[in-house]
PDB file of all heavy atoms in Angstrom:
ATOM      1  N   ALA A   1       8.614  13.051  29.500  1.00  0.00           N
ATOM      2  CA  ALA A   1       7.603  13.629  28.634  1.00  0.00           C
ATOM      3  C   ALA A   1       6.341  12.752  28.722  1.00  0.00           C
ATOM      4  O   ALA A   1       6.464  11.428  28.879  1.00  0.00           O
ATOM      5  CB  ALA A   1       8.137  13.656  27.256  1.00  0.00           C
ATOM      6  N   PRO A   2       5.230  13.210  28.453  1.00  0.00           N
ATOM      7  CA  PRO A   2       4.009  12.282  28.443  1.00  0.00           C
ATOM      8  C   PRO A   2       3.938  11.457  27.235  1.00  0.00           C
ATOM      9  O   PRO A   2       4.362  11.910  26.100  1.00  0.00           O
ATOM     10  CB  PRO A   2       2.816  13.442  28.291  1.00  0.00           C
ATOM     11  CG  PRO A   2       3.460  14.679  28.803  1.00  0.00           C
ATOM     12  CD  PRO A   2       4.843  14.701  28.382  1.00  0.00           C
ATOM     13  N   VAL A   3       3.737  10.164  27.443  1.00  0.00           N
ATOM     14  CA  VAL A   3       3.697   9.126  26.423  1.00  0.00           C
ATOM     15  C   VAL A   3       2.346   8.587  26.243  1.00  0.00           C
ATOM     16  O   VAL A   3       1.801   7.985  27.197  1.00  0.00           O
ATOM     17  CB  VAL A   3       4.883   8.062  26.586  1.00  0.00           C
ATOM     18  CG1 VAL A   3       4.780   7.005  25.507  1.00  0.00           C
ATOM     19  CG2 VAL A   3       6.216   8.740  26.757  1.00  0.00           C
ATOM     20  N   LEU A   4       1.805   8.579  24.994  1.00  0.00           N
ATOM     21  CA  LEU A   4       0.546   7.962  24.740  1.00  0.00           C
ATOM     22  C   LEU A   4       0.794   6.585  23.953  1.00  0.00           C
ATOM     23  O   LEU A   4       1.403   6.563  22.907  1.00  0.00           O
ATOM     24  CB  LEU A   4      -0.224   8.780  23.682  1.00  0.00           C
ATOM     25  CG  LEU A   4      -1.673   8.242  23.221  1.00  0.00           C
ATOM     26  CD1 LEU A   4      -2.604   8.167  24.506  1.00  0.00           C
ATOM     27  CD2 LEU A   4      -2.201   9.085  22.078  1.00  0.00           C
ATOM     28  N   GLU A   5       0.296   5.574  24.677  1.00  0.00           N
ATOM     29  CA  GLU A   5       0.461   4.172  24.298  1.00  0.00           C
ATOM     30  C   GLU A   5      -0.679   3.885  23.206  1.00  0.00           C
ATOM     31  O   GLU A   5      -1.849   4.146  23.592  1.00  0.00           O
ATOM     32  CB  GLU A   5       0.510   3.167  25.402  1.00  0.00           C
ATOM     33  CG  GLU A   5       1.643   3.376  26.336  1.00  0.00           C
ATOM     34  CD  GLU A   5       2.997   3.019  25.725  1.00  0.00           C
ATOM     35  OE1 GLU A   5       3.028   2.344  24.688  1.00  0.00           O
ATOM     36  OE2 GLU A   5       3.960   3.509  26.310  1.00  0.00           O
ATOM     37  N   LEU A   6      -0.382   3.355  22.125  1.00  0.00           N
ATOM     38  CA  LEU A   6      -1.438   3.010  21.082  1.00  0.00           C
ATOM     39  C   LEU A   6      -1.648   1.527  21.108  1.00  0.00           C
ATOM     40  O   LEU A   6      -0.838   0.781  21.197  1.00  0.00           O
ATOM     41  CB  LEU A   6      -0.870   3.535  19.682  1.00  0.00           C
ATOM     42  CG  LEU A   6      -0.467   4.944  19.411  1.00  0.00           C
ATOM     43  CD1 LEU A   6       0.006   5.103  18.080  1.00  0.00           C
ATOM     44  CD2 LEU A   6      -1.560   5.850  19.953  1.00  0.00           C
ATOM     45  N   SER A   7      -2.970   1.299  20.934  1.00  0.00           N
ATOM     46  CA  SER A   7      -3.338  -0.186  21.039  1.00  0.00           C
ATOM     47  C   SER A   7      -3.518  -0.623  19.497  1.00  0.00           C
ATOM     48  O   SER A   7      -3.542   0.156  18.524  1.00  0.00           O
ATOM     49  CB  SER A   7      -4.804  -0.392  21.668  1.00  0.00           C
ATOM     50  OG  SER A   7      -5.715   0.507  21.201  1.00  0.00           O
ATOM     51  N   ALA A   8      -3.680  -1.977  19.281  1.00  0.00           N
ATOM     52  CA  ALA A   8      -3.721  -2.404  17.992  1.00  0.00           C
ATOM     53  C   ALA A   8      -5.024  -2.021  17.356  1.00  0.00           C
ATOM     54  O   ALA A   8      -6.126  -1.828  18.013  1.00  0.00           O
ATOM     55  CB  ALA A   8      -3.619  -4.089  17.949  1.00  0.00           C
ATOM     56  N   ALA A   9      -5.015  -1.878  16.044  1.00  0.00           N
ATOM     57  CA  ALA A   9      -6.259  -1.513  15.383  1.00  0.00           C
ATOM     58  C   ALA A   9      -7.259  -2.736  15.413  1.00  0.00           C
ATOM     59  O   ALA A   9      -6.925  -3.786  15.517  1.00  0.00           O
ATOM     60  CB  ALA A   9      -5.958  -1.175  13.781  1.00  0.00           C
ATOM     61  N   SER A  10      -8.529  -2.365  15.340  1.00  0.00           N
ATOM     62  CA  SER A  10      -9.629  -3.427  15.433  1.00  0.00           C
ATOM     63  C   SER A  10      -9.537  -4.379  14.380  1.00  0.00           C
ATOM     64  O   SER A  10      -9.002  -3.875  13.155  1.00  0.00           O
ATOM     65  CB  SER A  10     -10.931  -2.710  15.411  1.00  0.00           C
ATOM     66  OG  SER A  10     -11.190  -1.926  14.279  1.00  0.00           O
ATOM     67  N   GLU A  11      -9.862  -5.522  14.466  1.00  0.00           N
ATOM     68  CA  GLU A  11      -9.741  -6.566  13.507  1.00  0.00           C
ATOM     69  C   GLU A  11     -10.488  -6.474  12.194  1.00  0.00           C
ATOM     70  O   GLU A  11     -10.055  -6.723  11.199  1.00  0.00           O
ATOM     71  CB  GLU A  11     -10.048  -7.988  14.130  1.00  0.00           C
ATOM     72  CG  GLU A  11      -9.121  -8.405  15.077  1.00  0.00           C
ATOM     73  CD  GLU A  11      -9.395  -9.860  15.687  1.00  0.00           C
ATOM     74  OE1 GLU A  11     -10.529 -10.400  15.264  1.00  0.00           O
ATOM     75  OE2 GLU A  11      -8.889 -10.359  16.673  1.00  0.00           O
ATOM     76  N   ASP A  12     -11.667  -5.625  12.339  1.00  0.00           N
ATOM     77  CA  ASP A  12     -12.391  -5.503  11.136  1.00  0.00           C
ATOM     78  C   ASP A  12     -11.950  -4.231  10.366  1.00  0.00           C
ATOM     79  O   ASP A  12     -12.555  -3.831   9.316  1.00  0.00           O
ATOM     80  CB  ASP A  12     -13.918  -5.292  11.501  1.00  0.00           C
ATOM     81  CG  ASP A  12     -14.183  -4.169  12.478  1.00  0.00           C
ATOM     82  OD1 ASP A  12     -13.170  -3.511  12.763  1.00  0.00           O
ATOM     83  OD2 ASP A  12     -15.283  -3.896  12.923  1.00  0.00           O
ATOM     84  N   GLY A  13     -10.881  -3.597  10.839  1.00  0.00           N
ATOM     85  CA  GLY A  13     -10.378  -2.428  10.184  1.00  0.00           C
ATOM     86  C   GLY A  13     -11.081  -1.213  10.380  1.00  0.00           C
ATOM     87  O   GLY A  13     -10.812  -0.235   9.746  1.00  0.00           O
ATOM     88  N   HIS A  14     -12.144  -1.267  11.097  1.00  0.00           N
ATOM     89  CA  HIS A  14     -13.103  -0.008  11.354  1.00  0.00           C
ATOM     90  C   HIS A  14     -12.285   1.002  12.305  1.00  0.00           C
ATOM     91  O   HIS A  14     -11.723   0.587  13.357  1.00  0.00           O
ATOM     92  CB  HIS A  14     -14.395  -0.488  11.992  1.00  0.00           C
ATOM     93  CG  HIS A  14     -15.284   0.769  12.375  1.00  0.00           C
ATOM     94  ND1 HIS A  14     -15.894   1.550  11.403  1.00  0.00           N
ATOM     95  CD2 HIS A  14     -15.580   1.318  13.571  1.00  0.00           C
ATOM     96  CE1 HIS A  14     -16.489   2.504  12.075  1.00  0.00           C
ATOM     97  NE2 HIS A  14     -16.290   2.396  13.413  1.00  0.00           N
ATOM     98  N   HIS A  15     -12.370   2.157  12.000  1.00  0.00           N
ATOM     99  CA  HIS A  15     -11.776   3.260  12.746  1.00  0.00           C
ATOM    100  C   HIS A  15     -12.846   4.270  13.119  1.00  0.00           C
ATOM    101  O   HIS A  15     -13.585   4.679  12.222  1.00  0.00           O
ATOM    102  CB  HIS A  15     -10.737   3.991  11.899  1.00  0.00           C
ATOM    103  CG  HIS A  15      -9.571   3.125  11.563  1.00  0.00           C
ATOM    104  ND1 HIS A  15      -8.849   3.258  10.377  1.00  0.00           N
ATOM    105  CD2 HIS A  15      -8.901   2.083  12.135  1.00  0.00           C
ATOM    106  CE1 HIS A  15      -7.855   2.375  10.305  1.00  0.00           C
ATOM    107  NE2 HIS A  15      -7.910   1.642  11.394  1.00  0.00           N
ATOM    108  N   ASP A  16     -12.851   4.630  14.374  1.00  0.00           N
ATOM    109  CA  ASP A  16     -13.956   5.668  14.820  1.00  0.00           C
ATOM    110  C   ASP A  16     -13.508   6.934  14.151  1.00  0.00           C
ATOM    111  O   ASP A  16     -12.405   7.300  13.932  1.00  0.00           O
ATOM    112  CB  ASP A  16     -13.774   5.688  16.336  1.00  0.00           C
ATOM    113  CG  ASP A  16     -14.205   4.513  16.929  1.00  0.00           C
ATOM    114  OD1 ASP A  16     -14.877   3.749  16.497  1.00  0.00           O
ATOM    115  OD2 ASP A  16     -13.662   4.226  18.163  1.00  0.00           O
ATOM    116  N   ASN A  17     -14.618   7.754  13.871  1.00  0.00           N
ATOM    117  CA  ASN A  17     -14.359   9.105  13.377  1.00  0.00           C
ATOM    118  C   ASN A  17     -14.688  10.169  14.512  1.00  0.00           C
ATOM    119  O   ASN A  17     -15.261   9.943  15.445  1.00  0.00           O
ATOM    120  CB  ASN A  17     -15.156   9.339  12.090  1.00  0.00           C
ATOM    121  CG  ASN A  17     -16.567   9.179  12.330  1.00  0.00           C
ATOM    122  OD1 ASN A  17     -17.115   9.785  13.163  1.00  0.00           O
ATOM    123  ND2 ASN A  17     -17.320   8.481  11.457  1.00  0.00           N
ATOM    124  N   ALA A  18     -14.208  11.310  14.259  1.00  0.00           N
ATOM    125  CA  ALA A  18     -14.462  12.455  15.199  1.00  0.00           C
ATOM    126  C   ALA A  18     -15.850  12.832  15.540  1.00  0.00           C
ATOM    127  O   ALA A  18     -16.244  13.139  16.604  1.00  0.00           O
ATOM    128  CB  ALA A  18     -13.665  13.652  14.781  1.00  0.00           C
ATOM    129  N   ALA A  19     -16.657  12.640  14.382  1.00  0.00           N
ATOM    130  CA  ALA A  19     -18.073  12.918  14.567  1.00  0.00           C
ATOM    131  C   ALA A  19     -18.712  11.943  15.594  1.00  0.00           C
ATOM    132  O   ALA A  19     -19.517  12.253  16.459  1.00  0.00           O
ATOM    133  CB  ALA A  19     -18.858  12.995  13.223  1.00  0.00           C
ATOM    134  N   ASP A  20     -18.375  10.606  15.390  1.00  0.00           N
ATOM    135  CA  ASP A  20     -18.917   9.508  16.321  1.00  0.00           C
ATOM    136  C   ASP A  20     -18.343   9.923  17.729  1.00  0.00           C
ATOM    137  O   ASP A  20     -19.276   9.863  18.757  1.00  0.00           O
ATOM    138  CB  ASP A  20     -18.414   8.260  15.977  1.00  0.00           C
ATOM    139  CG  ASP A  20     -19.181   7.695  14.726  1.00  0.00           C
ATOM    140  OD1 ASP A  20     -20.224   8.305  14.392  1.00  0.00           O
ATOM    141  OD2 ASP A  20     -18.691   6.720  14.040  1.00  0.00           O
ATOM    142  N   ASP A  21     -17.089  10.319  17.973  1.00  0.00           N
ATOM    143  CA  ASP A  21     -16.679  10.465  19.283  1.00  0.00           C
ATOM    144  C   ASP A  21     -17.271  11.787  19.889  1.00  0.00           C
ATOM    145  O   ASP A  21     -17.618  11.772  21.016  1.00  0.00           O
ATOM    146  CB  ASP A  21     -15.128  10.864  19.254  1.00  0.00           C
ATOM    147  CG  ASP A  21     -14.313   9.670  18.930  1.00  0.00           C
ATOM    148  OD1 ASP A  21     -14.913   8.524  19.109  1.00  0.00           O
ATOM    149  OD2 ASP A  21     -13.218   9.715  18.483  1.00  0.00           O
ATOM    150  N   ALA A  22     -17.696  12.800  19.055  1.00  0.00           N
ATOM    151  CA  ALA A  22     -18.262  14.038  19.558  1.00  0.00           C
ATOM    152  C   ALA A  22     -19.740  13.749  20.046  1.00  0.00           C
ATOM    153  O   ALA A  22     -20.249  14.192  21.024  1.00  0.00           O
ATOM    154  CB  ALA A  22     -18.287  15.129  18.546  1.00  0.00           C
ATOM    155  N   SER A  23     -20.401  12.828  19.213  1.00  0.00           N
ATOM    156  CA  SER A  23     -21.794  12.547  19.502  1.00  0.00           C
ATOM    157  C   SER A  23     -21.935  11.503  20.635  1.00  0.00           C
ATOM    158  O   SER A  23     -22.976  11.275  21.127  1.00  0.00           O
ATOM    159  CB  SER A  23     -22.596  12.103  18.251  1.00  0.00           C
ATOM    160  OG  SER A  23     -21.947  10.834  17.768  1.00  0.00           O
ATOM    161  N   GLY A  24     -20.822  10.751  20.847  1.00  0.00           N
ATOM    162  CA  GLY A  24     -20.936   9.696  21.877  1.00  0.00           C
ATOM    163  C   GLY A  24     -21.312   8.403  21.352  1.00  0.00           C
ATOM    164  O   GLY A  24     -21.519   7.410  22.072  1.00  0.00           O
ATOM    165  N   THR A  25     -21.305   8.209  20.003  1.00  0.00           N
ATOM    166  CA  THR A  25     -21.681   6.943  19.432  1.00  0.00           C
ATOM    167  C   THR A  25     -20.584   6.064  18.956  1.00  0.00           C
ATOM    168  O   THR A  25     -20.738   4.985  18.663  1.00  0.00           O
ATOM    169  CB  THR A  25     -22.581   7.295  18.177  1.00  0.00           C
ATOM    170  OG1 THR A  25     -21.886   8.012  17.237  1.00  0.00           O
ATOM    171  CG2 THR A  25     -23.922   8.064  18.581  1.00  0.00           C
ATOM    172  N   GLY A  26     -19.390   6.671  18.927  1.00  0.00           N
ATOM    173  CA  GLY A  26     -18.094   5.876  18.612  1.00  0.00           C
ATOM    174  C   GLY A  26     -17.579   5.115  19.745  1.00  0.00           C
ATOM    175  O   GLY A  26     -18.169   5.080  20.789  1.00  0.00           O
ATOM    176  N   SER A  27     -16.412   4.571  19.501  1.00  0.00           N
ATOM    177  CA  SER A  27     -15.916   3.697  20.723  1.00  0.00           C
ATOM    178  C   SER A  27     -15.506   4.613  21.986  1.00  0.00           C
ATOM    179  O   SER A  27     -15.609   4.168  23.062  1.00  0.00           O
ATOM    180  CB  SER A  27     -14.671   2.899  20.238  1.00  0.00           C
ATOM    181  OG  SER A  27     -13.676   3.959  19.837  1.00  0.00           O
ATOM    182  N   ALA A  28     -15.102   5.906  21.596  1.00  0.00           N
ATOM    183  CA  ALA A  28     -14.865   6.735  22.762  1.00  0.00           C
ATOM    184  C   ALA A  28     -16.003   7.056  23.511  1.00  0.00           C
ATOM    185  O   ALA A  28     -15.973   7.096  24.816  1.00  0.00           O
ATOM    186  CB  ALA A  28     -13.993   8.068  22.178  1.00  0.00           C
ATOM    187  N   GLY A  29     -17.124   7.231  22.891  1.00  0.00           N
ATOM    188  CA  GLY A  29     -18.300   7.595  23.558  1.00  0.00           C
ATOM    189  C   GLY A  29     -18.926   6.382  24.266  1.00  0.00           C
ATOM    190  O   GLY A  29     -19.283   6.438  25.462  1.00  0.00           O
ATOM    191  N   LYS A  30     -18.847   5.162  23.723  1.00  0.00           N
ATOM    192  CA  LYS A  30     -19.232   3.978  24.336  1.00  0.00           C
ATOM    193  C   LYS A  30     -18.373   3.672  25.638  1.00  0.00           C
ATOM    194  O   LYS A  30     -18.835   2.978  26.549  1.00  0.00           O
ATOM    195  CB  LYS A  30     -19.209   2.809  23.346  1.00  0.00           C
ATOM    196  CG  LYS A  30     -20.232   2.958  22.256  1.00  0.00           C
ATOM    197  CD  LYS A  30     -20.057   1.857  21.220  1.00  0.00           C
ATOM    198  CE  LYS A  30     -21.017   2.020  20.021  1.00  0.00           C
ATOM    199  NZ  LYS A  30     -20.870   0.987  19.177  1.00  0.00           N
ATOM    200  N   ALA A  31     -17.110   4.073  25.558  1.00  0.00           N
ATOM    201  CA  ALA A  31     -16.253   3.727  26.695  1.00  0.00           C
ATOM    202  C   ALA A  31     -16.225   4.811  27.775  1.00  0.00           C
ATOM    203  O   ALA A  31     -15.421   4.746  28.708  1.00  0.00           O
ATOM    204  CB  ALA A  31     -14.833   3.532  26.103  1.00  0.00           C
ATOM    205  N   SER A  32     -17.141   5.780  27.729  1.00  0.00           N
ATOM    206  CA  SER A  32     -17.203   6.925  28.596  1.00  0.00           C
ATOM    207  C   SER A  32     -17.327   6.472  29.971  1.00  0.00           C
ATOM    208  O   SER A  32     -16.644   6.907  30.971  1.00  0.00           O
ATOM    209  CB  SER A  32     -18.209   7.870  28.305  1.00  0.00           C
ATOM    210  OG  SER A  32     -19.537   7.347  28.306  1.00  0.00           O
ATOM    211  N   ALA A  33     -18.215   5.396  30.262  1.00  0.00           N
ATOM    212  CA  ALA A  33     -18.513   4.914  31.515  1.00  0.00           C
ATOM    213  C   ALA A  33     -17.253   4.263  32.061  1.00  0.00           C
ATOM    214  O   ALA A  33     -16.793   4.555  33.279  1.00  0.00           O
ATOM    215  CB  ALA A  33     -19.556   3.861  31.647  1.00  0.00           C
ATOM    216  N   ALA A  34     -16.517   3.568  31.245  1.00  0.00           N
ATOM    217  CA  ALA A  34     -15.268   2.941  31.838  1.00  0.00           C
ATOM    218  C   ALA A  34     -14.258   3.980  31.993  1.00  0.00           C
ATOM    219  O   ALA A  34     -13.414   3.813  32.978  1.00  0.00           O
ATOM    220  CB  ALA A  34     -14.808   1.837  30.641  1.00  0.00           C
ATOM    221  N   THR A  35     -14.176   4.919  31.153  1.00  0.00           N
ATOM    222  CA  THR A  35     -13.222   6.080  31.333  1.00  0.00           C
ATOM    223  C   THR A  35     -13.440   6.780  32.675  1.00  0.00           C
ATOM    224  O   THR A  35     -12.567   7.186  33.449  1.00  0.00           O
ATOM    225  CB  THR A  35     -13.333   7.042  30.282  1.00  0.00           C
ATOM    226  OG1 THR A  35     -13.133   6.458  28.946  1.00  0.00           O
ATOM    227  CG2 THR A  35     -12.448   8.167  30.507  1.00  0.00           C
ATOM    228  N   ALA A  36     -14.751   7.111  33.008  1.00  0.00           N
ATOM    229  CA  ALA A  36     -15.082   7.827  34.172  1.00  0.00           C
ATOM    230  C   ALA A  36     -14.625   6.947  35.459  1.00  0.00           C
ATOM    231  O   ALA A  36     -14.103   7.414  36.391  1.00  0.00           O
ATOM    232  CB  ALA A  36     -16.549   7.916  34.328  1.00  0.00           C
TER     233      ALA A  36
END
């Protein structure tokens, strides 16, 4: 079965939100180059 490994939460306790991800301003958006 596909398994998604989870990393530790950030030390400052900040969690990205879906709006940031969609606009590209969250960690997912900032990591797009690395993802590519």
